[in-house]
Amino acid sequence: MRKPTAQAIAEQLKFAARFEAEKRLQQRRYCDAFELWRSCHFKRCRHNRRCSGDADACLGKAVALNRVPRPLAAQTRQNILAATPHNMGAPERAARQCMPLDFYLARGKG
């Protein structure tokens, strides 16, 4: 097995950073689509009628408590994918293809 070159490592780190950035946006999109702000304890979220806090924690709690119906999650994902530009980069496209549960299942690996 070959040792990875500095360029290969840099590309992997760049991919990971871009994926993380898009993942945060995707989590916020899901929070807004599921209207999780309605049950949020942050006044700012309820006032703005959108997720204005920690989308990762909010979506994680909703997924853990099974408050997101699977058909709604699948339909929301399809709507987001339909609005995705064809020339979007690989990291961004990979993040947009994730279902809400996928963001939390990946944590247990590795």
Foldseek 3Di string as FASTA:
>chain_A
DDDDDPVRVVVVVVLVVLLVVLLQVLLQLVCLLLQLLVVDPDPVCVVVSGDPDRSLVSLVVCVVVVVDDPVSQVVSLVVQVVPDDPPDDDSNNVSSNDGSVRVVVCVVPD
